[in-house]
């Protein structure tokens, strides 16, 4: 008589939440207290991030809830495409973005302050 939709206690959500908390704590320990080389720390955190993303997708985002019982492939592909565009665009802007130097004074961190003052003196 009790089906999956009639459950009152969200076991799946609690398990997913606890797994996410544990993965986050493991990642924090790996980064802050493990003493591993930086390369290994990055690899471990990336693996934990992929596992946590899978937990989020399947436990909370209902990726298997389709009429046929399969994955929502179109939504997954669109999400990956959107994430790739955002990451690639962010890296591009941070790497090749326009550098805007106003030529401020020494207190403002401008490197062209002397040239700026010379040009002002020539105008007057």
PDB file of N, CA and C in Angstrom:
ATOM      1  N   UNK A   1       0.811  -1.209   0.000  1.00  0.00           N
ATOM      2  CA  UNK A   1       0.000   0.000   0.000  1.00  0.00           C
ATOM      3  C   UNK A   1       0.850   1.268   0.000  1.00  0.00           C
ATOM      4  N   UNK A   2       1.989   1.220   0.634  1.00  0.00           N
ATOM      5  CA  UNK A   2       2.829   2.426   0.629  1.00  0.00           C
ATOM      6  C   UNK A   2       3.789   2.364  -0.547  1.00  0.00           C
ATOM      7  N   UNK A   3       3.682   3.302  -1.430  1.00  0.00           N
ATOM      8  CA  UNK A   3       4.565   3.368  -2.586  1.00  0.00           C
ATOM      9  C   UNK A   3       5.707   4.339  -2.303  1.00  0.00           C
ATOM     10  N   UNK A   4       6.590   4.488  -3.271  1.00  0.00           N
ATOM     11  CA  UNK A   4       7.744   5.367  -3.121  1.00  0.00           C
ATOM     12  C   UNK A   4       7.321   6.817  -2.896  1.00  0.00           C
ATOM     13  N   UNK A   5       6.233   7.245  -3.484  1.00  0.00           N
ATOM     14  CA  UNK A   5       5.794   8.638  -3.345  1.00  0.00           C
ATOM     15  C   UNK A   5       5.076   8.883  -2.025  1.00  0.00           C
ATOM     16  N   UNK A   6       4.691   7.823  -1.307  1.00  0.00           N
ATOM     17  CA  UNK A   6       3.976   7.999  -0.044  1.00  0.00           C
ATOM     18  C   UNK A   6       4.900   8.030   1.171  1.00  0.00           C
ATOM     19  N   UNK A   7       6.198   7.879   0.970  1.00  0.00           N
ATOM     20  CA  UNK A   7       7.126   7.878   2.095  1.00  0.00           C
ATOM     21  C   UNK A   7       7.113   9.241   2.775  1.00  0.00           C
ATOM     22  N   UNK A   8       7.091   9.200   4.090  1.00  0.00           N
ATOM     23  CA  UNK A   8       7.061  10.453   4.843  1.00  0.00           C
ATOM     24  C   UNK A   8       8.465  10.935   5.205  1.00  0.00           C
ATOM     25  N   UNK A   9       9.401  10.008   5.389  1.00  0.00           N
ATOM     26  CA  UNK A   9      10.762  10.379   5.735  1.00  0.00           C
ATOM     27  C   UNK A   9      11.638  10.303   4.487  1.00  0.00           C
ATOM     28  N   UNK A  10      12.290  11.392   4.136  1.00  0.00           N
ATOM     29  CA  UNK A  10      13.092  11.425   2.894  1.00  0.00           C
ATOM     30  C   UNK A  10      14.468  10.767   3.075  1.00  0.00           C
ATOM     31  N   UNK A  11      14.507   9.441   3.138  1.00  0.00           N
ATOM     32  CA  UNK A  11      15.764   8.718   3.365  1.00  0.00           C
ATOM     33  C   UNK A  11      16.810   9.064   2.314  1.00  0.00           C
ATOM     34  N   UNK A  12      16.400   9.096   1.063  1.00  0.00           N
ATOM     35  CA  UNK A  12      17.324   9.362  -0.034  1.00  0.00           C
ATOM     36  C   UNK A  12      17.978  10.744   0.120  1.00  0.00           C
ATOM     37  N   UNK A  13      17.201  11.724   0.524  1.00  0.00           N
ATOM     38  CA  UNK A  13      17.743  13.077   0.689  1.00  0.00           C
ATOM     39  C   UNK A  13      18.691  13.162   1.885  1.00  0.00           C
ATOM     40  N   UNK A  14      18.364  12.478   2.973  1.00  0.00           N
ATOM     41  CA  UNK A  14      19.225  12.499   4.154  1.00  0.00           C
ATOM     42  C   UNK A  14      20.555  11.808   3.852  1.00  0.00           C
ATOM     43  N   UNK A  15      20.506  10.661   3.170  1.00  0.00           N
ATOM     44  CA  UNK A  15      21.729   9.957   2.807  1.00  0.00           C
ATOM     45  C   UNK A  15      22.584  10.828   1.880  1.00  0.00           C
ATOM     46  N   UNK A  16      21.969  11.456   0.893  1.00  0.00           N
ATOM     47  CA  UNK A  16      22.698  12.343  -0.006  1.00  0.00           C
ATOM     48  C   UNK A  16      23.308  13.524   0.722  1.00  0.00           C
ATOM     49  N   UNK A  17      22.571  14.097   1.676  1.00  0.00           N
ATOM     50  CA  UNK A  17      23.072  15.231   2.447  1.00  0.00           C
ATOM     51  C   UNK A  17      24.271  14.823   3.288  1.00  0.00           C
ATOM     52  N   UNK A  18      24.161  13.690   3.995  1.00  0.00           N
ATOM     53  CA  UNK A  18      25.267  13.222   4.823  1.00  0.00           C
ATOM     54  C   UNK A  18      26.492  12.877   3.977  1.00  0.00           C
ATOM     55  N   UNK A  19      26.276  12.256   2.829  1.00  0.00           N
ATOM     56  CA  UNK A  19      27.392  11.938   1.938  1.00  0.00           C
ATOM     57  C   UNK A  19      28.070  13.218   1.446  1.00  0.00           C
ATOM     58  N   UNK A  20      27.285  14.248   1.137  1.00  0.00           N
ATOM     59  CA  UNK A  20      27.858  15.525   0.691  1.00  0.00           C
ATOM     60  C   UNK A  20      28.676  16.178   1.792  1.00  0.00           C
ATOM     61  N   UNK A  21      28.181  16.130   3.019  1.00  0.00           N
ATOM     62  CA  UNK A  21      28.914  16.700   4.155  1.00  0.00           C
ATOM     63  C   UNK A  21      30.231  15.950   4.362  1.00  0.00           C
ATOM     64  N   UNK A  22      30.184  14.621   4.306  1.00  0.00           N
ATOM     65  CA  UNK A  22      31.400  13.821   4.494  1.00  0.00           C
ATOM     66  C   UNK A  22      32.416  14.116   3.391  1.00  0.00           C
ATOM     67  N   UNK A  23      31.957  14.173   2.146  1.00  0.00           N
ATOM     68  CA  UNK A  23      32.873  14.480   1.040  1.00  0.00           C
ATOM     69  C   UNK A  23      33.492  15.866   1.191  1.00  0.00           C
ATOM     70  N   UNK A  24      32.703  16.832   1.654  1.00  0.00           N
ATOM     71  CA  UNK A  24      33.220  18.180   1.874  1.00  0.00           C
ATOM     72  C   UNK A  24      34.274  18.195   2.973  1.00  0.00           C
ATOM     73  N   UNK A  25      34.032  17.464   4.053  1.00  0.00           N
ATOM     74  CA  UNK A  25      35.003  17.398   5.149  1.00  0.00           C
ATOM     75  C   UNK A  25      36.289  16.697   4.702  1.00  0.00           C
ATOM     76  N   UNK A  26      36.166  15.639   3.921  1.00  0.00           N
ATOM     77  CA  UNK A  26      37.349  14.952   3.402  1.00  0.00           C
ATOM     78  C   UNK A  26      38.150  15.893   2.493  1.00  0.00           C
ATOM     79  N   UNK A  27      37.456  16.649   1.643  1.00  0.00           N
ATOM     80  CA  UNK A  27      38.148  17.601   0.764  1.00  0.00           C
ATOM     81  C   UNK A  27      38.846  18.690   1.588  1.00  0.00           C
ATOM     82  N   UNK A  28      38.186  19.194   2.617  1.00  0.00           N
ATOM     83  CA  UNK A  28      38.793  20.225   3.456  1.00  0.00           C
ATOM     84  C   UNK A  28      40.023  19.685   4.185  1.00  0.00           C
ATOM     85  N   UNK A  29      39.919  18.474   4.724  1.00  0.00           N
ATOM     86  CA  UNK A  29      41.080  17.879   5.387  1.00  0.00           C
ATOM     87  C   UNK A  29      42.217  17.658   4.396  1.00  0.00           C
ATOM     88  N   UNK A  30      41.886  17.183   3.204  1.00  0.00           N
ATOM     89  CA  UNK A  30      42.907  16.942   2.190  1.00  0.00           C
ATOM     90  C   UNK A  30      43.657  18.229   1.864  1.00  0.00           C
ATOM     91  N   UNK A  31      42.931  19.328   1.732  1.00  0.00           N
ATOM     92  CA  UNK A  31      43.555  20.602   1.367  1.00  0.00           C
ATOM     93  C   UNK A  31      44.312  21.231   2.528  1.00  0.00           C
ATOM     94  N   UNK A  32      43.783  21.121   3.739  1.00  0.00           N
ATOM     95  CA  UNK A  32      44.350  21.875   4.853  1.00  0.00           C
ATOM     96  C   UNK A  32      45.241  21.069   5.791  1.00  0.00           C
ATOM     97  N   UNK A  33      44.991  19.757   5.930  1.00  0.00           N
ATOM     98  CA  UNK A  33      45.718  19.030   6.959  1.00  0.00           C
ATOM     99  C   UNK A  33      46.443  17.786   6.524  1.00  0.00           C
ATOM    100  N   UNK A  34      46.379  17.424   5.269  1.00  0.00           N
ATOM    101  CA  UNK A  34      46.958  16.147   4.864  1.00  0.00           C
ATOM    102  C   UNK A  34      48.471  16.197   4.664  1.00  0.00           C
ATOM    103  N   UNK A  35      49.010  17.317   4.234  1.00  0.00           N
ATOM    104  CA  UNK A  35      50.435  17.419   3.974  1.00  0.00           C
ATOM    105  C   UNK A  35      50.862  16.737   2.685  1.00  0.00           C
ATOM    106  N   UNK A  36      49.906  16.372   1.845  1.00  0.00           N
ATOM    107  CA  UNK A  36      50.219  15.748   0.561  1.00  0.00           C
ATOM    108  C   UNK A  36      50.779  16.787  -0.409  1.00  0.00           C
ATOM    109  N   UNK A  37      51.480  16.336  -1.449  1.00  0.00           N
ATOM    110  CA  UNK A  37      51.928  17.276  -2.481  1.00  0.00           C
ATOM    111  C   UNK A  37      50.735  17.931  -3.178  1.00  0.00           C
ATOM    112  N   UNK A  38      50.954  19.129  -3.679  1.00  0.00           N
ATOM    113  CA  UNK A  38      49.874  19.913  -4.285  1.00  0.00           C
ATOM    114  C   UNK A  38      49.193  19.175  -5.419  1.00  0.00           C
ATOM    115  N   UNK A  39      49.941  18.461  -6.223  1.00  0.00           N
ATOM    116  CA  UNK A  39      49.347  17.727  -7.345  1.00  0.00           C
ATOM    117  C   UNK A  39      48.344  16.689  -6.853  1.00  0.00           C
ATOM    118  N   UNK A  40      48.712  15.952  -5.813  1.00  0.00           N
ATOM    119  CA  UNK A  40      47.798  14.943  -5.273  1.00  0.00           C
ATOM    120  C   UNK A  40      46.574  15.582  -4.626  1.00  0.00           C
ATOM    121  N   UNK A  41      46.771  16.699  -3.961  1.00  0.00           N
ATOM    122  CA  UNK A  41      45.633  17.402  -3.354  1.00  0.00           C
ATOM    123  C   UNK A  41      44.631  17.801  -4.432  1.00  0.00           C
ATOM    124  N   UNK A  42      45.120  18.354  -5.532  1.00  0.00           N
ATOM    125  CA  UNK A  42      44.236  18.774  -6.621  1.00  0.00           C
ATOM    126  C   UNK A  42      43.512  17.570  -7.216  1.00  0.00           C
ATOM    127  N   UNK A  43      44.239  16.460  -7.436  1.00  0.00           N
ATOM    128  CA  UNK A  43      43.611  15.262  -8.003  1.00  0.00           C
ATOM    129  C   UNK A  43      42.523  14.733  -7.074  1.00  0.00           C
ATOM    130  N   UNK A  44      42.814  14.634  -5.788  1.00  0.00           N
ATOM    131  CA  UNK A  44      41.834  14.114  -4.828  1.00  0.00           C
ATOM    132  C   UNK A  44      40.612  15.014  -4.768  1.00  0.00           C
ATOM    133  N   UNK A  45      40.817  16.324  -4.728  1.00  0.00           N
ATOM    134  CA  UNK A  45      39.679  17.248  -4.657  1.00  0.00           C
ATOM    135  C   UNK A  45      38.836  17.169  -5.928  1.00  0.00           C
ATOM    136  N   UNK A  46      39.475  17.032  -7.081  1.00  0.00           N
ATOM    137  CA  UNK A  46      38.714  16.898  -8.333  1.00  0.00           C
ATOM    138  C   UNK A  46      37.874  15.619  -8.335  1.00  0.00           C
ATOM    139  N   UNK A  47      38.448  14.507  -7.880  1.00  0.00           N
ATOM    140  CA  UNK A  47      37.697  13.252  -7.809  1.00  0.00           C
ATOM    141  C   UNK A  47      36.517  13.388  -6.837  1.00  0.00           C
ATOM    142  N   UNK A  48      36.773  13.982  -5.682  1.00  0.00           N
ATOM    143  CA  UNK A  48      35.688  14.185  -4.711  1.00  0.00           C
ATOM    144  C   UNK A  48      34.608  15.115  -5.275  1.00  0.00           C
ATOM    145  N   UNK A  49      35.012  16.106  -6.058  1.00  0.00           N
ATOM    146  CA  UNK A  49      34.034  17.025  -6.661  1.00  0.00           C
ATOM    147  C   UNK A  49      33.147  16.301  -7.661  1.00  0.00           C
ATOM    148  N   UNK A  50      33.735  15.414  -8.462  1.00  0.00           N
ATOM    149  CA  UNK A  50      32.929  14.654  -9.427  1.00  0.00           C
ATOM    150  C   UNK A  50      31.956  13.726  -8.696  1.00  0.00           C
ATOM    151  N   UNK A  51      32.425  13.072  -7.639  1.00  0.00           N
ATOM    152  CA  UNK A  51      31.537  12.204  -6.862  1.00  0.00           C
ATOM    153  C   UNK A  51      30.412  13.017  -6.242  1.00  0.00           C
ATOM    154  N   UNK A  52      30.739  14.163  -5.688  1.00  0.00           N
ATOM    155  CA  UNK A  52      29.713  14.998  -5.066  1.00  0.00           C
ATOM    156  C   UNK A  52      28.722  15.529  -6.100  1.00  0.00           C
ATOM    157  N   UNK A  53      29.196  15.873  -7.293  1.00  0.00           N
ATOM    158  CA  UNK A  53      28.283  16.318  -8.350  1.00  0.00           C
ATOM    159  C   UNK A  53      27.322  15.196  -8.730  1.00  0.00           C
ATOM    160  N   UNK A  54      27.830  13.971  -8.806  1.00  0.00           N
ATOM    161  CA  UNK A  54      26.961  12.838  -9.117  1.00  0.00           C
ATOM    162  C   UNK A  54      25.923  12.630  -8.016  1.00  0.00           C
ATOM    163  N   UNK A  55      26.342  12.755  -6.768  1.00  0.00           N
ATOM    164  CA  UNK A  55      25.389  12.628  -5.655  1.00  0.00           C
ATOM    165  C   UNK A  55      24.311  13.701  -5.764  1.00  0.00           C
ATOM    166  N   UNK A  56      24.721  14.924  -6.042  1.00  0.00           N
ATOM    167  CA  UNK A  56      23.746  16.017  -6.164  1.00  0.00           C
ATOM    168  C   UNK A  56      22.760  15.750  -7.300  1.00  0.00           C
ATOM    169  N   UNK A  57      23.278  15.311  -8.441  1.00  0.00           N
ATOM    170  CA  UNK A  57      22.408  15.070  -9.594  1.00  0.00           C
ATOM    171  C   UNK A  57      21.416  13.938  -9.345  1.00  0.00           C
ATOM    172  N   UNK A  58      21.882  12.848  -8.780  1.00  0.00           N
ATOM    173  CA  UNK A  58      21.016  11.686  -8.650  1.00  0.00           C
ATOM    174  C   UNK A  58      20.182  11.684  -7.379  1.00  0.00           C
ATOM    175  N   UNK A  59      20.666  12.279  -6.295  1.00  0.00           N
ATOM    176  CA  UNK A  59      19.911  12.270  -5.038  1.00  0.00           C
ATOM    177  C   UNK A  59      18.951  13.456  -4.929  1.00  0.00           C
ATOM    178  N   UNK A  60      19.337  14.601  -5.460  1.00  0.00           N
ATOM    179  CA  UNK A  60      18.530  15.803  -5.266  1.00  0.00           C
ATOM    180  C   UNK A  60      17.881  16.328  -6.542  1.00  0.00           C
ATOM    181  N   UNK A  61      18.541  16.170  -7.671  1.00  0.00           N
ATOM    182  CA  UNK A  61      18.041  16.767  -8.909  1.00  0.00           C
ATOM    183  C   UNK A  61      17.174  15.808  -9.733  1.00  0.00           C
ATOM    184  N   UNK A  62      16.960  14.606  -9.226  1.00  0.00           N
ATOM    185  CA  UNK A  62      16.034  13.645  -9.840  1.00  0.00           C
ATOM    186  C   UNK A  62      16.372  13.367 -11.299  1.00  0.00           C
ATOM    187  N   UNK A  63      17.620  13.088 -11.576  1.00  0.00           N
ATOM    188  CA  UNK A  63      18.052  12.866 -12.947  1.00  0.00           C
ATOM    189  C   UNK A  63      17.532  11.567 -13.548  1.00  0.00           C
ATOM    190  N   UNK A  64      17.047  10.648 -12.713  1.00  0.00           N
ATOM    191  CA  UNK A  64      16.541   9.373 -13.233  1.00  0.00           C
ATOM    192  C   UNK A  64      15.026   9.341 -13.292  1.00  0.00           C
ATOM    193  N   UNK A  65      14.400  10.437 -13.005  1.00  0.00           N
ATOM    194  CA  UNK A  65      12.935  10.456 -13.006  1.00  0.00           C
ATOM    195  C   UNK A  65      12.403  10.901 -14.368  1.00  0.00           C
ATOM    196  N   UNK A  66      12.376   9.964 -15.313  1.00  0.00           N
ATOM    197  CA  UNK A  66      11.799  10.200 -16.626  1.00  0.00           C
ATOM    198  C   UNK A  66      10.687   9.185 -16.850  1.00  0.00           C
ATOM    199  N   UNK A  67       9.927   9.364 -17.905  1.00  0.00           N
ATOM    200  CA  UNK A  67       8.841   8.426 -18.210  1.00  0.00           C
ATOM    201  C   UNK A  67       9.385   7.040 -18.518  1.00  0.00           C
ATOM    202  N   UNK A  68      10.541   6.972 -19.159  1.00  0.00           N
ATOM    203  CA  UNK A  68      11.117   5.679 -19.538  1.00  0.00           C
ATOM    204  C   UNK A  68      12.001   5.086 -18.445  1.00  0.00           C
ATOM    205  N   UNK A  69      12.297   5.851 -17.398  1.00  0.00           N
ATOM    206  CA  UNK A  69      13.145   5.367 -16.317  1.00  0.00           C
ATOM    207  C   UNK A  69      14.622   5.596 -16.561  1.00  0.00           C
ATOM    208  N   UNK A  70      14.978   6.182 -17.683  1.00  0.00           N
ATOM    209  CA  UNK A  70      16.386   6.436 -18.004  1.00  0.00           C
ATOM    210  C   UNK A  70      16.840   7.793 -17.507  1.00  0.00           C
ATOM    211  N   UNK A  71      18.025   8.181 -17.945  1.00  0.00           N
ATOM    212  CA  UNK A  71      18.584   9.484 -17.580  1.00  0.00           C
ATOM    213  C   UNK A  71      17.997  10.584 -18.443  1.00  0.00           C
ATOM    214  N   UNK A  72      18.031  11.771 -17.937  1.00  0.00           N
ATOM    215  CA  UNK A  72      17.617  12.943 -18.704  1.00  0.00           C
ATOM    216  C   UNK A  72      18.834  13.434 -19.483  1.00  0.00           C
ATOM    217  N   UNK A  73      19.148  12.737 -20.550  1.00  0.00           N
ATOM    218  CA  UNK A  73      20.375  12.969 -21.305  1.00  0.00           C
ATOM    219  C   UNK A  73      20.461  14.382 -21.868  1.00  0.00           C
ATOM    220  N   UNK A  74      19.394  14.872 -22.441  1.00  0.00           N
ATOM    221  CA  UNK A  74      19.409  16.215 -23.015  1.00  0.00           C
ATOM    222  C   UNK A  74      19.719  17.271 -21.974  1.00  0.00           C
ATOM    223  N   UNK A  75      19.113  17.156 -20.799  1.00  0.00           N
ATOM    224  CA  UNK A  75      19.372  18.124 -19.738  1.00  0.00           C
ATOM    225  C   UNK A  75      20.806  18.043 -19.240  1.00  0.00           C
ATOM    226  N   UNK A  76      21.343  16.816 -19.145  1.00  0.00           N
ATOM    227  CA  UNK A  76      22.724  16.652 -18.707  1.00  0.00           C
ATOM    228  C   UNK A  76      23.678  17.285 -19.713  1.00  0.00           C
ATOM    229  N   UNK A  77      23.472  17.006 -20.994  1.00  0.00           N
ATOM    230  CA  UNK A  77      24.348  17.574 -22.027  1.00  0.00           C
ATOM    231  C   UNK A  77      24.262  19.093 -22.057  1.00  0.00           C
ATOM    232  N   UNK A  78      23.065  19.636 -21.921  1.00  0.00           N
ATOM    233  CA  UNK A  78      22.913  21.095 -21.897  1.00  0.00           C
ATOM    234  C   UNK A  78      23.625  21.691 -20.683  1.00  0.00           C
ATOM    235  N   UNK A  79      23.530  21.032 -19.537  1.00  0.00           N
ATOM    236  CA  UNK A  79      24.218  21.505 -18.337  1.00  0.00           C
ATOM    237  C   UNK A  79      25.727  21.499 -18.502  1.00  0.00           C
ATOM    238  N   UNK A  80      26.269  20.406 -19.091  1.00  0.00           N
ATOM    239  CA  UNK A  80      27.712  20.357 -19.351  1.00  0.00           C
ATOM    240  C   UNK A  80      28.132  21.428 -20.344  1.00  0.00           C
ATOM    241  N   UNK A  81      27.341  21.641 -21.374  1.00  0.00           N
ATOM    242  CA  UNK A  81      27.664  22.678 -22.365  1.00  0.00           C
ATOM    243  C   UNK A  81      27.679  24.057 -21.702  1.00  0.00           C
ATOM    244  N   UNK A  82      26.661  24.342 -20.912  1.00  0.00           N
ATOM    245  CA  UNK A  82      26.582  25.640 -20.233  1.00  0.00           C
ATOM    246  C   UNK A  82      27.768  25.833 -19.295  1.00  0.00           C
ATOM    247  N   UNK A  83      28.106  24.794 -18.521  1.00  0.00           N
ATOM    248  CA  UNK A  83      29.242  24.890 -17.599  1.00  0.00           C
ATOM    249  C   UNK A  83      30.543  25.099 -18.366  1.00  0.00           C
ATOM    250  N   UNK A  84      30.716  24.390 -19.490  1.00  0.00           N
ATOM    251  CA  UNK A  84      31.941  24.529 -20.286  1.00  0.00           C
ATOM    252  C   UNK A  84      32.065  25.939 -20.851  1.00  0.00           C
ATOM    253  N   UNK A  85      30.957  26.513 -21.327  1.00  0.00           N
ATOM    254  CA  UNK A  85      30.993  27.872 -21.869  1.00  0.00           C
ATOM    255  C   UNK A  85      31.341  28.875 -20.774  1.00  0.00           C
ATOM    256  N   UNK A  86      30.766  28.709 -19.599  1.00  0.00           N
ATOM    257  CA  UNK A  86      31.044  29.635 -18.492  1.00  0.00           C
ATOM    258  C   UNK A  86      32.494  29.532 -18.050  1.00  0.00           C
ATOM    259  N   UNK A  87      32.987  28.306 -17.898  1.00  0.00           N
ATOM    260  CA  UNK A  87      34.381  28.127 -17.466  1.00  0.00           C
ATOM    261  C   UNK A  87      35.339  28.649 -18.531  1.00  0.00           C
ATOM    262  N   UNK A  88      35.114  28.281 -19.786  1.00  0.00           N
ATOM    263  CA  UNK A  88      36.007  28.737 -20.858  1.00  0.00           C
ATOM    264  C   UNK A  88      35.967  30.259 -20.986  1.00  0.00           C
ATOM    265  N   UNK A  89      34.796  30.847 -20.899  1.00  0.00           N
ATOM    266  CA  UNK A  89      34.684  32.301 -20.966  1.00  0.00           C
ATOM    267  C   UNK A  89      35.371  32.986 -19.800  1.00  0.00           C
ATOM    268  N   UNK A  90      35.235  32.426 -18.610  1.00  0.00           N
ATOM    269  CA  UNK A  90      35.887  33.008 -17.432  1.00  0.00           C
ATOM    270  C   UNK A  90      37.405  32.940 -17.555  1.00  0.00           C
ATOM    271  N   UNK A  91      37.913  31.781 -17.992  1.00  0.00           N
ATOM    272  CA  UNK A  91      39.364  31.636 -18.164  1.00  0.00           C
ATOM    273  C   UNK A  91      39.862  32.594 -19.233  1.00  0.00           C
ATOM    274  N   UNK A  92      39.112  32.721 -20.313  1.00  0.00           N
ATOM    275  CA  UNK A  92      39.520  33.625 -21.398  1.00  0.00           C
ATOM    276  C   UNK A  92      39.579  35.066 -20.913  1.00  0.00           C
ATOM    277  N   UNK A  93      38.550  35.503 -20.207  1.00  0.00           N
ATOM    278  CA  UNK A  93      38.511  36.885 -19.730  1.00  0.00           C
ATOM    279  C   UNK A  93      39.621  37.129 -18.711  1.00  0.00           C
ATOM    280  N   UNK A  94      39.857  36.160 -17.814  1.00  0.00           N
ATOM    281  CA  UNK A  94      40.910  36.347 -16.812  1.00  0.00           C
ATOM    282  C   UNK A  94      42.298  36.306 -17.438  1.00  0.00           C
ATOM    283  N   UNK A  95      42.465  35.563 -18.529  1.00  0.00           N
ATOM    284  CA  UNK A  95      43.776  35.440 -19.162  1.00  0.00           C
ATOM    285  C   UNK A  95      44.072  36.565 -20.144  1.00  0.00           C
ATOM    286  N   UNK A  96      43.089  36.928 -20.932  1.00  0.00           N
ATOM    287  CA  UNK A  96      43.321  37.876 -22.022  1.00  0.00           C
ATOM    288  C   UNK A  96      42.463  39.129 -21.916  1.00  0.00           C
ATOM    289  N   UNK A  97      41.947  39.397 -20.740  1.00  0.00           N
ATOM    290  CA  UNK A  97      41.059  40.539 -20.566  1.00  0.00           C
ATOM    291  C   UNK A  97      41.772  41.861 -20.758  1.00  0.00           C
ATOM    292  N   UNK A  98      41.017  42.909 -20.934  1.00  0.00           N
ATOM    293  CA  UNK A  98      41.543  44.243 -21.153  1.00  0.00           C
ATOM    294  C   UNK A  98      42.120  44.768 -19.855  1.00  0.00           C
ATOM    295  N   UNK A  99      43.369  45.211 -19.891  1.00  0.00           N
ATOM    296  CA  UNK A  99      44.010  45.804 -18.726  1.00  0.00           C
ATOM    297  C   UNK A  99      43.766  47.301 -18.764  1.00  0.00           C
ATOM    298  N   UNK A 100      43.130  47.817 -17.755  1.00  0.00           N
ATOM    299  CA  UNK A 100      42.750  49.217 -17.741  1.00  0.00           C
ATOM    300  C   UNK A 100      43.616  49.954 -16.729  1.00  0.00           C
ATOM    301  N   UNK A 101      44.612  50.695 -17.214  1.00  0.00           N
ATOM    302  CA  UNK A 101      45.504  51.446 -16.342  1.00  0.00           C
ATOM    303  C   UNK A 101      45.180  52.929 -16.475  1.00  0.00           C
ATOM    304  N   UNK A 102      44.718  53.518 -15.393  1.00  0.00           N
ATOM    305  CA  UNK A 102      44.341  54.936 -15.410  1.00  0.00           C
ATOM    306  C   UNK A 102      45.530  55.857 -15.163  1.00  0.00           C
ATOM    307  N   UNK A 103      46.685  55.278 -14.833  1.00  0.00           N
ATOM    308  CA  UNK A 103      47.854  56.127 -14.597  1.00  0.00           C
ATOM    309  C   UNK A 103      47.729  56.922 -13.324  1.00  0.00           C
ATOM    310  N   UNK A 104      47.193  56.300 -12.295  1.00  0.00           N
ATOM    311  CA  UNK A 104      47.017  56.983 -11.020  1.00  0.00           C
ATOM    312  C   UNK A 104      48.341  57.248 -10.339  1.00  0.00           C
ATOM    313  N   UNK A 105      48.301  57.955  -9.244  1.00  0.00           N
ATOM    314  CA  UNK A 105      49.502  58.302  -8.497  1.00  0.00           C
ATOM    315  C   UNK A 105      50.095  57.107  -7.787  1.00  0.00           C
ATOM    316  N   UNK A 106      51.212  57.326  -7.075  1.00  0.00           N
ATOM    317  CA  UNK A 106      51.895  56.222  -6.395  1.00  0.00           C
ATOM    318  C   UNK A 106      51.014  55.542  -5.343  1.00  0.00           C
ATOM    319  N   UNK A 107      50.126  56.304  -4.716  1.00  0.00           N
ATOM    320  CA  UNK A 107      49.232  55.716  -3.714  1.00  0.00           C
ATOM    321  C   UNK A 107      48.171  54.845  -4.358  1.00  0.00           C
ATOM    322  N   UNK A 108      47.877  55.083  -5.614  1.00  0.00           N
ATOM    323  CA  UNK A 108      46.827  54.335  -6.297  1.00  0.00           C
ATOM    324  C   UNK A 108      47.385  53.166  -7.103  1.00  0.00           C
ATOM    325  N   UNK A 109      48.689  52.940  -7.036  1.00  0.00           N
ATOM    326  CA  UNK A 109      49.289  51.813  -7.725  1.00  0.00           C
ATOM    327  C   UNK A 109      49.533  52.027  -9.200  1.00  0.00           C
ATOM    328  N   UNK A 110      49.420  53.263  -9.701  1.00  0.00           N
ATOM    329  CA  UNK A 110      49.656  53.521 -11.120  1.00  0.00           C
ATOM    330  C   UNK A 110      51.140  53.522 -11.427  1.00  0.00           C
ATOM    331  N   UNK A 111      51.524  52.928 -12.551  1.00  0.00           N
ATOM    332  CA  UNK A 111      52.939  52.862 -12.887  1.00  0.00           C
ATOM    333  C   UNK A 111      53.348  53.990 -13.828  1.00  0.00           C
ATOM    334  N   UNK A 112      52.415  54.678 -14.420  1.00  0.00           N
ATOM    335  CA  UNK A 112      52.709  55.711 -15.402  1.00  0.00           C
ATOM    336  C   UNK A 112      52.514  57.106 -14.825  1.00  0.00           C
ATOM    337  N   UNK A 113      52.664  57.272 -13.512  1.00  0.00           N
ATOM    338  CA  UNK A 113      52.354  58.564 -12.901  1.00  0.00           C
ATOM    339  C   UNK A 113      53.305  59.659 -13.365  1.00  0.00           C
ATOM    340  N   UNK A 114      54.606  59.350 -13.558  1.00  0.00           N
ATOM    341  CA  UNK A 114      55.546  60.383 -13.987  1.00  0.00           C
ATOM    342  C   UNK A 114      55.248  60.820 -15.414  1.00  0.00           C
ATOM    343  N   UNK A 115      54.953  59.861 -16.303  1.00  0.00           N
ATOM    344  CA  UNK A 115      54.621  60.205 -17.684  1.00  0.00           C
ATOM    345  C   UNK A 115      53.350  61.031 -17.728  1.00  0.00           C
ATOM    346  N   UNK A 116      52.397  60.695 -16.889  1.00  0.00           N
ATOM    347  CA  UNK A 116      51.126  61.410 -16.856  1.00  0.00           C
ATOM    348  C   UNK A 116      51.355  62.864 -16.436  1.00  0.00           C
ATOM    349  N   UNK A 117      52.243  63.079 -15.432  1.00  0.00           N
ATOM    350  CA  UNK A 117      52.513  64.432 -14.968  1.00  0.00           C
ATOM    351  C   UNK A 117      53.259  65.224 -16.035  1.00  0.00           C
ATOM    352  N   UNK A 118      54.181  64.597 -16.774  1.00  0.00           N
ATOM    353  CA  UNK A 118      54.914  65.293 -17.826  1.00  0.00           C
ATOM    354  C   UNK A 118      53.975  65.789 -18.912  1.00  0.00           C
ATOM    355  N   UNK A 119      53.009  64.978 -19.275  1.00  0.00           N
ATOM    356  CA  UNK A 119      52.060  65.380 -20.306  1.00  0.00           C
ATOM    357  C   UNK A 119      51.191  66.537 -19.834  1.00  0.00           C
ATOM    358  N   UNK A 120      50.859  66.544 -18.548  1.00  0.00           N
ATOM    359  CA  UNK A 120      50.061  67.649 -18.027  1.00  0.00           C
ATOM    360  C   UNK A 120      50.858  68.947 -18.049  1.00  0.00           C
ATOM    361  N   UNK A 121      52.183  68.886 -17.730  1.00  0.00           N
ATOM    362  CA  UNK A 121      53.029  70.083 -17.728  1.00  0.00           C
ATOM    363  C   UNK A 121      53.177  70.635 -19.138  1.00  0.00           C
ATOM    364  N   UNK A 122      53.246  69.798 -20.144  1.00  0.00           N
ATOM    365  CA  UNK A 122      53.409  70.249 -21.513  1.00  0.00           C
ATOM    366  C   UNK A 122      52.146  70.941 -22.024  1.00  0.00           C
ATOM    367  N   UNK A 123      51.009  70.571 -21.491  1.00  0.00           N
ATOM    368  CA  UNK A 123      49.757  71.183 -21.939  1.00  0.00           C
ATOM    369  C   UNK A 123      49.601  72.603 -21.418  1.00  0.00           C
ATOM    370  N   UNK A 124      50.269  72.913 -20.317  1.00  0.00           N
ATOM    371  CA  UNK A 124      50.061  74.242 -19.731  1.00  0.00           C
ATOM    372  C   UNK A 124      51.114  75.207 -20.111  1.00  0.00           C
TER     373      UNK A 124
END
